[in-house]
Amino acid sequence: MRVSGGCKCVSEKLLQQKFCNLDRFDTAGKKGISPDWFRFQPKLSTGRWEATGAVCGDDRGLSVVDAARQTSSSSPVRGVMEHLNNGSPRQTAGEETSSSDSQRRDVRFQRRVAAVSSPSLSAARLTLPGVMDAEGRVDESRLRMHIFKNGGVSPSERGLVWRFLFGMYPCSSTALERSLLQEQLVVRYRVMKRKWQQFLPSAVQMHLNGTDAELVAAVRYFDQRQAQAQQQTQDQSEEVRDRLAFLELQAQILFERVTFDQVELREAIRIIDKDVPRTNRDLSYYQGEGLGNLLVLRDILITYAAFHPEVSYAQGMNDLCSRFLEVLDSEVDTFWSFSCYMEKFSKDFRADGLHRKIELEAALLKELDPQLYAHLVTDSMESFTFCHRWLLLGFQREFEHSDALRLFEILSCDHLELISQQVDRARYQERLTRKCSTDDSSQSELQAINTDFTFELFICAAILLENRESLLRCRDDVQLIQFTNSLQGTLDLNSTLKKAERHLYNYCKRCAWDYMNGRCRAHKSKQEDFLYQLRSLLILK
């Protein structure tokens, strides 16, 4: 392997530290790779809060990327990554552009097929105050706090933010480390994609019936992009080829023992080929040559299904993955970010995850409005199934597209969840200081508020309560479906967020007072400090 300058030691260090778990296989013969392999960085968040955004990844017109070019143009890694990038610089969806007439042309003529990767963003800098240090490390808690308190980030920085938010880039990594990491992720994705394509050569091309002219055009645009990628590969220097050959050998060893179930994979591809054409093509991202992004989406979903047989593919994943592709505008980056997201939330696409969400939403509505709850469960719990689509896709269809992306981003930042962890730790230390027994008091305190009621559930409840009268007039499931369909694209995000926050606050306050009343009746000791008890109960201080 040839490495210029001082990058060799950094690369070897990264291979040892960031990917020291290359041998984490299931040697008992289980198909697929161990989910632990995808945890190449520690994650701060734990529980369930959802996500969304707009698009970044442009190599032109973004101050973030311009700054990255100035700071990293001399890096030897930079030259390697430019060869891995596919396609010319392009306008990305949701990007804030200048007011010049040349940049106001119809988006369908500006749109291009997504790049293979976006190497320039690995060295780009966030302009959010106090979030990134001089070497490019990100303060994760401040990043999440900024997203929550400011209602998301600007579209121009969303692509870079998402790469940290969803775990593709470790927040503790420097700009140089991310450049090296980006190389490895590109090569590994390429090896994974080639493996299933060699296993099922007939599935490489999407089978068309010829009646969908847009899909026919999409295949043409996608093939043009593939031809450009092959040409760029041929133009690589000997140094670049040697470097990538080493990384590819490493990736081949990593995935050597991965096997596929032909029947299961064919079935997953069959469903993917049905769902991908149904992806919302009205979005500007899929206009003009952007139609080729449908084929990029297809390859990402098939690669994910092939290497995650325990999850495979379920309906709705195309819409979710499309959101990542639109924001990141990069095939490789979308795959890894989507994989990190699904590692945490794949259970939502299983039957048990569906039932659990419905149970929690029903329980929360029972707390907030017993009458409405009783009306909706008159026949069975299935009356709440219409809420699952809202929760699974982050209210993608209920709000205007840009607002739905912003809400997905807010829910994914896990800020309230992190606060609750900090408060739990502080409360525990306070009990120790006061020499309170954790055995006889902590359990009842923790049960005072149901921490499974996450903010997304309060968003859902706010929508239900806002339309309370309409719901009370619904007499069967057909009318419920008609009601939910009538809400698509009509809801106001800012108003819904305010109502959800108010319901969350009132719920916590009521639980705290109910608990305090019971505790004061049970313990009349003067040593009990009322304000201390109240503070220890409120998870969200």
Foldseek 3Di string as FASTA:
>chain_A
DDDPDPCPVVLVVCCCQQQVVLVQADVVQDFFGDLVNLPSDDDPDDADFFAFFFAELFCPQFPQLVVLCVVPVPPPLVVLVVLQKFDDGADATQADHDPDPVVPPQLLVGAAAFIQARLSLLRGADPPPPAADPQGAGDLLVLLVCLQVVLHDHLSCQLSSLCPLLPVDPNGDGSSSSSSSRLLLSLLLVLLLVVVCVVPVVLLDQDDPPPDVLLVLLVVSLVVRVVRSVVSVVVDDPSSVVVSVVSNVSSCVSCVSRDFDVVLLVVLLVVLSVQLVVAPCVDSCCHHNSVNNSSLLSSLLSSVLGNCVVLRDAPPVSNQLVRSCSHNSHSSSSSSSSSSVCSNVSCLRDPVVLVVVLVLLLVLLCLVPVVLSCLQDVPHSCSSSVCSVCVVRQNCFLADNNSSRSSSHSRSSCNLVSLLVVLVVVLVVVCVVVVHDCVPPVVVLVPLDDPSCGLSSLLSSLVCVVCVVLSSPDDDSVSVVVVVVVSGHPDDNVVSSVNSVVSVVVRQVVSLVVVLVVVCVVDVDPVDDSVSSSSSNRSRD
